[in-house]
All heavy atoms as atom14 arrays in JSON, in Angstrom:
{
  "sequence": "NSKACRAVGMANHNNKIMILIPCHRVIGSNKKLVGYAGGIDVKEKLL",
  "atom14_mask": [
    [1, 1, 1, 1, 1, 1, 1, 1, 0, 0, 0, 0, 0, 0],
    [1, 1, 1, 1, 1, 1, 0, 0, 0, 0, 0, 0, 0, 0],
    [1, 1, 1, 1, 1, 1, 1, 1, 1, 0, 0, 0, 0, 0],
    [1, 1, 1, 1, 1, 0, 0, 0, 0, 0, 0, 0, 0, 0],
    [1, 1, 1, 1, 1, 1, 0, 0, 0, 0, 0, 0, 0, 0],
    [1, 1, 1, 1, 1, 1, 1, 1, 1, 1, 1, 0, 0, 0],
    [1, 1, 1, 1, 1, 0, 0, 0, 0, 0, 0, 0, 0, 0],
    [1, 1, 1, 1, 1, 1, 1, 0, 0, 0, 0, 0, 0, 0],
    [1, 1, 1, 1, 0, 0, 0, 0, 0, 0, 0, 0, 0, 0],
    [1, 1, 1, 1, 1, 1, 1, 1, 0, 0, 0, 0, 0, 0],
    [1, 1, 1, 1, 1, 0, 0, 0, 0, 0, 0, 0, 0, 0],
    [1, 1, 1, 1, 1, 1, 1, 1, 0, 0, 0, 0, 0, 0],
    [1, 1, 1, 1, 1, 1, 1, 1, 1, 1, 0, 0, 0, 0],
    [1, 1, 1, 1, 1, 1, 1, 1, 0, 0, 0, 0, 0, 0],
    [1, 1, 1, 1, 1, 1, 1, 1, 0, 0, 0, 0, 0, 0],
    [1, 1, 1, 1, 1, 1, 1, 1, 1, 0, 0, 0, 0, 0],
    [1, 1, 1, 1, 1, 1, 1, 1, 0, 0, 0, 0, 0, 0],
    [1, 1, 1, 1, 1, 1, 1, 1, 0, 0, 0, 0, 0, 0],
    [1, 1, 1, 1, 1, 1, 1, 1, 0, 0, 0, 0, 0, 0],
    [1, 1, 1, 1, 1, 1, 1, 1, 0, 0, 0, 0, 0, 0],
    [1, 1, 1, 1, 1, 1, 1, 1, 0, 0, 0, 0, 0, 0],
    [1, 1, 1, 1, 1, 1, 1, 0, 0, 0, 0, 0, 0, 0],
    [1, 1, 1, 1, 1, 1, 0, 0, 0, 0, 0, 0, 0, 0],
    [1, 1, 1, 1, 1, 1, 1, 1, 1, 1, 0, 0, 0, 0],
    [1, 1, 1, 1, 1, 1, 1, 1, 1, 1, 1, 0, 0, 0],
    [1, 1, 1, 1, 1, 1, 1, 0, 0, 0, 0, 0, 0, 0],
    [1, 1, 1, 1, 1, 1, 1, 1, 0, 0, 0, 0, 0, 0],
    [1, 1, 1, 1, 0, 0, 0, 0, 0, 0, 0, 0, 0, 0],
    [1, 1, 1, 1, 1, 1, 0, 0, 0, 0, 0, 0, 0, 0],
    [1, 1, 1, 1, 1, 1, 1, 1, 0, 0, 0, 0, 0, 0],
    [1, 1, 1, 1, 1, 1, 1, 1, 1, 0, 0, 0, 0, 0],
    [1, 1, 1, 1, 1, 1, 1, 1, 1, 0, 0, 0, 0, 0],
    [1, 1, 1, 1, 1, 1, 1, 1, 0, 0, 0, 0, 0, 0],
    [1, 1, 1, 1, 1, 1, 1, 0, 0, 0, 0, 0, 0, 0],
    [1, 1, 1, 1, 0, 0, 0, 0, 0, 0, 0, 0, 0, 0],
    [1, 1, 1, 1, 1, 1, 1, 1, 1, 1, 1, 1, 0, 0],
    [1, 1, 1, 1, 1, 0, 0, 0, 0, 0, 0, 0, 0, 0],
    [1, 1, 1, 1, 0, 0, 0, 0, 0, 0, 0, 0, 0, 0],
    [1, 1, 1, 1, 0, 0, 0, 0, 0, 0, 0, 0, 0, 0],
    [1, 1, 1, 1, 1, 1, 1, 1, 0, 0, 0, 0, 0, 0],
    [1, 1, 1, 1, 1, 1, 1, 1, 0, 0, 0, 0, 0, 0],
    [1, 1, 1, 1, 1, 1, 1, 0, 0, 0, 0, 0, 0, 0],
    [1, 1, 1, 1, 1, 1, 1, 1, 1, 0, 0, 0, 0, 0],
    [1, 1, 1, 1, 1, 1, 1, 1, 1, 0, 0, 0, 0, 0],
    [1, 1, 1, 1, 1, 1, 1, 1, 1, 0, 0, 0, 0, 0],
    [1, 1, 1, 1, 1, 1, 1, 1, 0, 0, 0, 0, 0, 0],
    [1, 1, 1, 1, 1, 1, 1, 1, 0, 0, 0, 0, 0, 0]
  ],
  "atom14_positions": [
    [[-2.23, -5.48, 15.83], [-1.03, -6.3, 15.97], [-0.61, -6.82, 14.6], [-0.95, -7.93, 14.21], [-1.29, -7.46, 16.93], [-0.03, -8.24, 17.27], [1.0, -8.1, 16.61], [-0.13, -9.07, 18.29], [0.0, 0.0, 0.0], [0.0, 0.0, 0.0], [0.0, 0.0, 0.0], [0.0, 0.0, 0.0], [0.0, 0.0, 0.0], [0.0, 0.0, 0.0]],
    [[0.15, -6.01, 13.87], [0.5, -6.34, 12.49], [1.38, -7.6, 12.38], [1.53, -8.13, 11.29], [1.21, -5.16, 11.83], [2.41, -4.86, 12.51], [0.0, 0.0, 0.0], [0.0, 0.0, 0.0], [0.0, 0.0, 0.0], [0.0, 0.0, 0.0], [0.0, 0.0, 0.0], [0.0, 0.0, 0.0], [0.0, 0.0, 0.0], [0.0, 0.0, 0.0]],
    [[1.91, -8.08, 13.48], [2.74, -9.3, 13.45], [1.93, -10.56, 13.74], [2.5, -11.65, 13.84], [3.89, -9.16, 14.43], [4.83, -8.05, 14.05], [6.01, -7.96, 14.97], [6.88, -6.8, 14.47], [8.13, -6.69, 15.16], [0.0, 0.0, 0.0], [0.0, 0.0, 0.0], [0.0, 0.0, 0.0], [0.0, 0.0, 0.0], [0.0, 0.0, 0.0]],
    [[0.63, -10.43, 13.86], [-0.21, -11.56, 14.27], [-0.9, -12.27, 13.12], [-1.94, -12.9, 13.31], [-1.24, -11.08, 15.28], [0.0, 0.0, 0.0], [0.0, 0.0, 0.0], [0.0, 0.0, 0.0], [0.0, 0.0, 0.0], [0.0, 0.0, 0.0], [0.0, 0.0, 0.0], [0.0, 0.0, 0.0], [0.0, 0.0, 0.0], [0.0, 0.0, 0.0]],
    [[-0.33, -12.21, 11.92], [-0.98, -12.83, 10.75], [-1.3, -14.31, 10.96], [-2.39, -14.77, 10.65], [-0.13, -12.66, 9.5], [0.03, -10.95, 8.99], [0.0, 0.0, 0.0], [0.0, 0.0, 0.0], [0.0, 0.0, 0.0], [0.0, 0.0, 0.0], [0.0, 0.0, 0.0], [0.0, 0.0, 0.0], [0.0, 0.0, 0.0], [0.0, 0.0, 0.0]],
    [[-0.32, -15.05, 11.45], [-0.55, -16.49, 11.68], [-1.61, -16.73, 12.75], [-2.43, -17.63, 12.64], [0.75, -17.19, 12.05], [1.69, -17.33, 10.88], [2.97, -18.05, 11.3], [3.96, -17.98, 10.26], [4.22, -18.96, 9.43], [3.57, -20.08, 9.5], [5.15, -18.81, 8.5], [0.0, 0.0, 0.0], [0.0, 0.0, 0.0], [0.0, 0.0, 0.0]],
    [[-1.57, -15.92, 13.8], [-2.57, -16.05, 14.86], [-3.97, -15.71, 14.33], [-4.96, -16.33, 14.73], [-2.2, -15.15, 16.05], [0.0, 0.0, 0.0], [0.0, 0.0, 0.0], [0.0, 0.0, 0.0], [0.0, 0.0, 0.0], [0.0, 0.0, 0.0], [0.0, 0.0, 0.0], [0.0, 0.0, 0.0], [0.0, 0.0, 0.0], [0.0, 0.0, 0.0]],
    [[-4.04, -14.74, 13.43], [-5.32, -14.42, 12.78], [-5.8, -15.64, 12.0], [-6.97, -16.0, 12.05], [-5.2, -13.18, 11.87], [-6.42, -13.05, 10.95], [-5.01, -11.93, 12.7], [0.0, 0.0, 0.0], [0.0, 0.0, 0.0], [0.0, 0.0, 0.0], [0.0, 0.0, 0.0], [0.0, 0.0, 0.0], [0.0, 0.0, 0.0], [0.0, 0.0, 0.0]],
    [[-4.88, -16.3, 11.3], [-5.23, -17.51, 10.57], [-5.77, -18.6, 11.48], [-6.75, -19.27, 11.16], [0.0, 0.0, 0.0], [0.0, 0.0, 0.0], [0.0, 0.0, 0.0], [0.0, 0.0, 0.0], [0.0, 0.0, 0.0], [0.0, 0.0, 0.0], [0.0, 0.0, 0.0], [0.0, 0.0, 0.0], [0.0, 0.0, 0.0], [0.0, 0.0, 0.0]],
    [[-5.15, -18.76, 12.64], [-5.62, -19.77, 13.6], [-6.99, -19.38, 14.17], [-7.85, -20.24, 14.38], [-4.61, -19.97, 14.73], [-3.4, -20.78, 14.33], [-3.81, -22.39, 13.57], [-4.68, -23.2, 14.91], [0.0, 0.0, 0.0], [0.0, 0.0, 0.0], [0.0, 0.0, 0.0], [0.0, 0.0, 0.0], [0.0, 0.0, 0.0], [0.0, 0.0, 0.0]],
    [[-7.2, -18.11, 14.43], [-8.51, -17.67, 14.91], [-9.57, -17.95, 13.85], [-10.67, -18.42, 14.17], [-8.48, -16.19, 15.26], [0.0, 0.0, 0.0], [0.0, 0.0, 0.0], [0.0, 0.0, 0.0], [0.0, 0.0, 0.0], [0.0, 0.0, 0.0], [0.0, 0.0, 0.0], [0.0, 0.0, 0.0], [0.0, 0.0, 0.0], [0.0, 0.0, 0.0]],
    [[-9.23, -17.7, 12.58], [-10.16, -18.02, 11.5], [-10.47, -19.51, 11.5], [-11.63, -19.92, 11.37], [-9.57, -17.65, 10.14], [-9.85, -16.23, 9.75], [-10.34, -15.44, 10.54], [-9.53, -15.89, 8.53], [0.0, 0.0, 0.0], [0.0, 0.0, 0.0], [0.0, 0.0, 0.0], [0.0, 0.0, 0.0], [0.0, 0.0, 0.0], [0.0, 0.0, 0.0]],
    [[-9.42, -20.32, 11.65], [-9.58, -21.78, 11.66], [-10.51, -22.22, 12.8], [-11.26, -23.18, 12.64], [-8.21, -22.44, 11.8], [-8.28, -23.92, 11.91], [-8.55, -24.73, 10.82], [-8.14, -24.75, 12.98], [-8.56, -25.99, 11.23], [-8.32, -26.03, 12.52], [0.0, 0.0, 0.0], [0.0, 0.0, 0.0], [0.0, 0.0, 0.0], [0.0, 0.0, 0.0]],
    [[-10.47, -21.51, 13.91], [-11.29, -21.88, 15.08], [-12.65, -21.21, 15.11], [-13.39, -21.36, 16.08], [-10.52, -21.56, 16.36], [-9.33, -22.49, 16.54], [-9.45, -23.68, 16.36], [-8.19, -21.94, 16.89], [0.0, 0.0, 0.0], [0.0, 0.0, 0.0], [0.0, 0.0, 0.0], [0.0, 0.0, 0.0], [0.0, 0.0, 0.0], [0.0, 0.0, 0.0]],
    [[-13.0, -20.49, 14.07], [-14.32, -19.87, 13.96], [-15.37, -20.97, 13.86], [-15.37, -21.75, 12.91], [-14.36, -18.97, 12.72], [-15.73, -18.42, 12.45], [-16.61, -18.41, 13.29], [-15.92, -17.95, 11.22], [0.0, 0.0, 0.0], [0.0, 0.0, 0.0], [0.0, 0.0, 0.0], [0.0, 0.0, 0.0], [0.0, 0.0, 0.0], [0.0, 0.0, 0.0]],
    [[-16.28, -21.02, 14.81], [-17.31, -22.07, 14.83], [-18.58, -21.68, 14.08], [-19.47, -22.49, 13.93], [-17.67, -22.41, 16.28], [-16.55, -23.05, 17.04], [-16.98, -23.34, 18.46], [-15.82, -23.92, 19.23], [-16.13, -24.05, 20.65], [0.0, 0.0, 0.0], [0.0, 0.0, 0.0], [0.0, 0.0, 0.0], [0.0, 0.0, 0.0], [0.0, 0.0, 0.0]],
    [[-18.64, -20.42, 13.64], [-19.89, -19.95, 13.02], [-19.58, -19.48, 11.59], [-19.64, -18.29, 11.28], [-20.56, -18.85, 13.86], [-20.69, -19.28, 15.33], [-21.94, -18.51, 13.29], [-21.21, -18.21, 16.27], [0.0, 0.0, 0.0], [0.0, 0.0, 0.0], [0.0, 0.0, 0.0], [0.0, 0.0, 0.0], [0.0, 0.0, 0.0], [0.0, 0.0, 0.0]],
    [[-19.24, -20.44, 10.73], [-18.88, -20.09, 9.35], [-20.02, -19.34, 8.66], [-21.17, -19.47, 9.04], [-18.48, -21.35, 8.57], [-19.6, -22.33, 8.33], [-19.12, -23.82, 7.43], [-18.84, -23.17, 5.81], [0.0, 0.0, 0.0], [0.0, 0.0, 0.0], [0.0, 0.0, 0.0], [0.0, 0.0, 0.0], [0.0, 0.0, 0.0], [0.0, 0.0, 0.0]],
    [[-19.67, -18.56, 7.7], [-20.53, -17.73, 6.86], [-21.05, -16.52, 7.64], [-20.85, -15.39, 7.21], [-21.66, -18.5, 6.18], [-21.09, -19.68, 5.37], [-22.5, -17.58, 5.29], [-22.13, -20.63, 4.83], [0.0, 0.0, 0.0], [0.0, 0.0, 0.0], [0.0, 0.0, 0.0], [0.0, 0.0, 0.0], [0.0, 0.0, 0.0], [0.0, 0.0, 0.0]],
    [[-21.73, -16.74, 8.78], [-22.24, -15.6, 9.54], [-21.09, -14.77, 10.1], [-21.17, -13.55, 10.14], [-23.17, -16.05, 10.67], [-24.41, -16.84, 10.27], [-25.33, -17.02, 11.46], [-25.16, -16.22, 9.11], [0.0, 0.0, 0.0], [0.0, 0.0, 0.0], [0.0, 0.0, 0.0], [0.0, 0.0, 0.0], [0.0, 0.0, 0.0], [0.0, 0.0, 0.0]],
    [[-20.03, -15.43, 10.56], [-18.77, -14.75, 10.86], [-17.9, -15.06, 9.65], [-17.38, -16.17, 9.52], [-18.13, -15.24, 12.17], [-19.06, -14.97, 13.35], [-16.77, -14.56, 12.39], [-18.55, -15.47, 14.7], [0.0, 0.0, 0.0], [0.0, 0.0, 0.0], [0.0, 0.0, 0.0], [0.0, 0.0, 0.0], [0.0, 0.0, 0.0], [0.0, 0.0, 0.0]],
    [[-17.77, -14.13, 8.72], [-17.29, -14.43, 7.36], [-15.78, -14.62, 7.2], [-15.11, -13.85, 6.52], [-17.8, -13.24, 6.56], [-17.78, -12.12, 7.54], [-18.16, -12.73, 8.86], [0.0, 0.0, 0.0], [0.0, 0.0, 0.0], [0.0, 0.0, 0.0], [0.0, 0.0, 0.0], [0.0, 0.0, 0.0], [0.0, 0.0, 0.0], [0.0, 0.0, 0.0]],
    [[-15.26, -15.69, 7.79], [-13.83, -15.96, 7.63], [-13.49, -16.32, 6.18], [-12.33, -16.23, 5.78], [-13.38, -17.04, 8.61], [-14.29, -18.58, 8.52], [0.0, 0.0, 0.0], [0.0, 0.0, 0.0], [0.0, 0.0, 0.0], [0.0, 0.0, 0.0], [0.0, 0.0, 0.0], [0.0, 0.0, 0.0], [0.0, 0.0, 0.0], [0.0, 0.0, 0.0]],
    [[-14.49, -16.67, 5.39], [-14.24, -16.95, 3.97], [-13.8, -15.7, 3.21], [-13.23, -15.81, 2.13], [-15.48, -17.58, 3.31], [-16.69, -16.68, 3.29], [-17.52, -16.55, 4.39], [-17.18, -15.86, 2.33], [-18.48, -15.69, 4.09], [-18.31, -15.26, 2.85], [0.0, 0.0, 0.0], [0.0, 0.0, 0.0], [0.0, 0.0, 0.0], [0.0, 0.0, 0.0]],
    [[-14.02, -14.53, 3.78], [-13.64, -13.27, 3.12], [-12.18, -12.9, 3.37], [-11.74, -11.85, 2.92], [-14.55, -12.14, 3.6], [-16.0, -12.31, 3.15], [-16.89, -11.2, 3.63], [-18.28, -11.5, 3.3], [-19.32, -11.03, 3.98], [-19.13, -10.21, 5.0], [-20.54, -11.36, 3.62], [0.0, 0.0, 0.0], [0.0, 0.0, 0.0], [0.0, 0.0, 0.0]],
    [[-11.44, -13.75, 4.06], [-10.04, -13.48, 4.34], [-9.19, -14.32, 3.39], [-9.34, -15.55, 3.32], [-9.67, -13.77, 5.8], [-8.21, -13.42, 6.06], [-10.58, -12.98, 6.75], [0.0, 0.0, 0.0], [0.0, 0.0, 0.0], [0.0, 0.0, 0.0], [0.0, 0.0, 0.0], [0.0, 0.0, 0.0], [0.0, 0.0, 0.0], [0.0, 0.0, 0.0]],
    [[-8.33, -13.64, 2.63], [-7.5, -14.31, 1.63], [-6.02, -13.98, 1.88], [-5.71, -13.12, 2.69], [-7.93, -13.89, 0.2], [-7.77, -12.38, -0.01], [-9.37, -14.33, -0.08], [-8.06, -11.92, -1.43], [0.0, 0.0, 0.0], [0.0, 0.0, 0.0], [0.0, 0.0, 0.0], [0.0, 0.0, 0.0], [0.0, 0.0, 0.0], [0.0, 0.0, 0.0]],
    [[-5.16, -14.67, 1.15], [-3.72, -14.43, 1.28], [-3.33, -13.06, 0.75], [-4.05, -12.45, -0.04], [0.0, 0.0, 0.0], [0.0, 0.0, 0.0], [0.0, 0.0, 0.0], [0.0, 0.0, 0.0], [0.0, 0.0, 0.0], [0.0, 0.0, 0.0], [0.0, 0.0, 0.0], [0.0, 0.0, 0.0], [0.0, 0.0, 0.0], [0.0, 0.0, 0.0]],
    [[-2.17, -12.58, 1.18], [-1.72, -11.26, 0.76], [-1.45, -11.19, -0.74], [-1.45, -10.12, -1.33], [-0.47, -10.83, 1.54], [0.55, -11.78, 1.38], [0.0, 0.0, 0.0], [0.0, 0.0, 0.0], [0.0, 0.0, 0.0], [0.0, 0.0, 0.0], [0.0, 0.0, 0.0], [0.0, 0.0, 0.0], [0.0, 0.0, 0.0], [0.0, 0.0, 0.0]],
    [[-1.29, -12.37, -1.37], [-1.11, -12.43, -2.82], [-2.44, -12.53, -3.56], [-2.49, -12.79, -4.75], [-0.2, -13.62, -3.18], [-0.78, -14.94, -2.7], [-1.86, -15.0, -2.12], [-0.06, -16.01, -2.95], [0.0, 0.0, 0.0], [0.0, 0.0, 0.0], [0.0, 0.0, 0.0], [0.0, 0.0, 0.0], [0.0, 0.0, 0.0], [0.0, 0.0, 0.0]],
    [[-3.54, -12.32, -2.82], [-4.92, -12.37, -3.34], [-5.37, -13.78, -3.73], [-6.36, -13.95, -4.41], [-5.13, -11.42, -4.54], [-4.79, -9.98, -4.23], [-5.73, -9.39, -3.21], [-5.41, -7.92, -2.98], [-5.8, -7.43, -1.7], [0.0, 0.0, 0.0], [0.0, 0.0, 0.0], [0.0, 0.0, 0.0], [0.0, 0.0, 0.0], [0.0, 0.0, 0.0]],
    [[-4.64, -14.78, -3.25], [-5.0, -16.18, -3.52], [-5.81, -16.73, -2.35], [-5.7, -16.28, -1.22], [-3.76, -17.02, -3.75], [-3.04, -16.65, -5.05], [-2.14, -17.78, -5.49], [-1.39, -17.42, -6.74], [-2.15, -17.52, -7.94], [0.0, 0.0, 0.0], [0.0, 0.0, 0.0], [0.0, 0.0, 0.0], [0.0, 0.0, 0.0], [0.0, 0.0, 0.0]],
    [[-6.61, -17.74, -2.68], [-7.4, -18.41, -1.65], [-6.49, -19.33, -0.86], [-5.77, -20.16, -1.43], [-8.52, -19.23, -2.29], [-9.5, -18.47, -3.16], [-10.63, -19.39, -3.6], [-10.06, -17.27, -2.44], [0.0, 0.0, 0.0], [0.0, 0.0, 0.0], [0.0, 0.0, 0.0], [0.0, 0.0, 0.0], [0.0, 0.0, 0.0], [0.0, 0.0, 0.0]],
    [[-6.52, -19.18, 0.44], [-5.74, -20.04, 1.32], [-6.62, -20.43, 2.49], [-7.48, -19.67, 2.91], [-4.45, -19.35, 1.84], [-3.47, -19.11, 0.71], [-4.76, -18.04, 2.52], [0.0, 0.0, 0.0], [0.0, 0.0, 0.0], [0.0, 0.0, 0.0], [0.0, 0.0, 0.0], [0.0, 0.0, 0.0], [0.0, 0.0, 0.0], [0.0, 0.0, 0.0]],
    [[-6.41, -21.63, 2.97], [-7.06, -22.14, 4.17], [-8.52, -21.83, 4.37], [-8.92, -20.69, 4.31], [0.0, 0.0, 0.0], [0.0, 0.0, 0.0], [0.0, 0.0, 0.0], [0.0, 0.0, 0.0], [0.0, 0.0, 0.0], [0.0, 0.0, 0.0], [0.0, 0.0, 0.0], [0.0, 0.0, 0.0], [0.0, 0.0, 0.0], [0.0, 0.0, 0.0]],
    [[-9.29, -22.86, 4.59], [-10.68, -22.72, 4.97], [-11.13, -24.06, 5.54], [-10.97, -25.09, 4.88], [-11.55, -22.31, 3.77], [-12.96, -21.92, 4.15], [-13.19, -20.8, 4.95], [-14.05, -22.65, 3.73], [-14.48, -20.43, 5.32], [-15.35, -22.28, 4.09], [-15.55, -21.17, 4.88], [-16.82, -20.8, 5.24], [0.0, 0.0, 0.0], [0.0, 0.0, 0.0]],
    [[-11.69, -24.03, 6.74], [-12.1, -25.28, 7.4], [-13.1, -26.07, 6.56], [-13.11, -27.29, 6.59], [-12.67, -24.98, 8.78], [0.0, 0.0, 0.0], [0.0, 0.0, 0.0], [0.0, 0.0, 0.0], [0.0, 0.0, 0.0], [0.0, 0.0, 0.0], [0.0, 0.0, 0.0], [0.0, 0.0, 0.0], [0.0, 0.0, 0.0], [0.0, 0.0, 0.0]],
    [[-13.92, -25.38, 5.79], [-14.9, -26.05, 4.95], [-14.34, -26.53, 3.62], [-15.03, -27.17, 2.85], [0.0, 0.0, 0.0], [0.0, 0.0, 0.0], [0.0, 0.0, 0.0], [0.0, 0.0, 0.0], [0.0, 0.0, 0.0], [0.0, 0.0, 0.0], [0.0, 0.0, 0.0], [0.0, 0.0, 0.0], [0.0, 0.0, 0.0], [0.0, 0.0, 0.0]],
    [[-13.07, -26.21, 3.36], [-12.44, -26.58, 2.1], [-12.34, -25.38, 1.17], [-13.24, -24.52, 1.15], [0.0, 0.0, 0.0], [0.0, 0.0, 0.0], [0.0, 0.0, 0.0], [0.0, 0.0, 0.0], [0.0, 0.0, 0.0], [0.0, 0.0, 0.0], [0.0, 0.0, 0.0], [0.0, 0.0, 0.0], [0.0, 0.0, 0.0], [0.0, 0.0, 0.0]],
    [[-11.27, -25.33, 0.41], [-11.04, -24.21, -0.52], [-12.16, -24.12, -1.55], [-12.56, -23.02, -1.94], [-9.66, -24.35, -1.22], [-8.53, -24.17, -0.2], [-9.51, -23.36, -2.36], [-8.42, -22.78, 0.39], [0.0, 0.0, 0.0], [0.0, 0.0, 0.0], [0.0, 0.0, 0.0], [0.0, 0.0, 0.0], [0.0, 0.0, 0.0], [0.0, 0.0, 0.0]],
    [[-12.69, -25.26, -1.99], [-13.77, -25.24, -2.97], [-15.01, -24.52, -2.42], [-15.68, -23.77, -3.14], [-14.12, -26.65, -3.45], [-14.5, -27.59, -2.31], [-13.96, -27.47, -1.19], [-15.35, -28.47, -2.55], [0.0, 0.0, 0.0], [0.0, 0.0, 0.0], [0.0, 0.0, 0.0], [0.0, 0.0, 0.0], [0.0, 0.0, 0.0], [0.0, 0.0, 0.0]],
    [[-15.29, -24.72, -1.14], [-16.44, -24.04, -0.52], [-16.15, -22.54, -0.38], [-17.0, -21.7, -0.67], [-16.78, -24.66, 0.85], [-17.83, -23.84, 1.58], [-17.25, -26.1, 0.67], [0.0, 0.0, 0.0], [0.0, 0.0, 0.0], [0.0, 0.0, 0.0], [0.0, 0.0, 0.0], [0.0, 0.0, 0.0], [0.0, 0.0, 0.0], [0.0, 0.0, 0.0]],
    [[-14.93, -22.2, 0.04], [-14.54, -20.8, 0.15], [-14.7, -20.11, -1.2], [-15.24, -19.0, -1.29], [-13.09, -20.7, 0.64], [-12.6, -19.29, 0.88], [-11.2, -19.32, 1.51], [-10.78, -17.98, 2.01], [-9.61, -18.02, 2.88], [0.0, 0.0, 0.0], [0.0, 0.0, 0.0], [0.0, 0.0, 0.0], [0.0, 0.0, 0.0], [0.0, 0.0, 0.0]],
    [[-14.24, -20.76, -2.25], [-14.34, -20.21, -3.6], [-15.8, -19.98, -3.97], [-16.18, -18.92, -4.5], [-13.67, -21.15, -4.6], [-13.66, -20.64, -6.01], [-12.88, -21.54, -6.95], [-12.11, -22.4, -6.49], [-13.05, -21.36, -8.17], [0.0, 0.0, 0.0], [0.0, 0.0, 0.0], [0.0, 0.0, 0.0], [0.0, 0.0, 0.0], [0.0, 0.0, 0.0]],
    [[-16.66, -20.94, -3.66], [-18.08, -20.82, -4.0], [-18.72, -19.65, -3.24], [-19.49, -18.87, -3.81], [-18.81, -22.13, -3.68], [-20.26, -22.14, -4.12], [-20.87, -23.49, -3.95], [-20.91, -24.14, -5.3], [-21.52, -25.45, -5.33], [0.0, 0.0, 0.0], [0.0, 0.0, 0.0], [0.0, 0.0, 0.0], [0.0, 0.0, 0.0], [0.0, 0.0, 0.0]],
    [[-18.39, -19.51, -1.97], [-18.95, -18.41, -1.17], [-18.5, -17.06, -1.71], [-19.3, -16.12, -1.82], [-18.56, -18.56, 0.3], [-19.11, -19.79, 1.01], [-18.52, -19.92, 2.41], [-20.63, -19.77, 1.06], [0.0, 0.0, 0.0], [0.0, 0.0, 0.0], [0.0, 0.0, 0.0], [0.0, 0.0, 0.0], [0.0, 0.0, 0.0], [0.0, 0.0, 0.0]],
    [[-17.23, -16.96, -2.07], [-16.72, -15.7, -2.62], [-17.33, -15.41, -4.0], [-17.57, -14.25, -4.34], [-15.2, -15.71, -2.68], [-14.5, -15.71, -1.32], [-13.0, -15.86, -1.48], [-14.84, -14.46, -0.52], [0.0, 0.0, 0.0], [0.0, 0.0, 0.0], [0.0, 0.0, 0.0], [0.0, 0.0, 0.0], [0.0, 0.0, 0.0], [0.0, 0.0, 0.0]]
  ]
}
């Protein structure tokens, strides 16, 4: 579903098992870090 980008973002946001389900590996189409329930600083550290 190529039109579901925002819904994918919400599913990432609702991921209850961070790191093991690696939502931190999902970045913006411009290759920038966007959104992470644990904070962008944590996402950056994990990456």
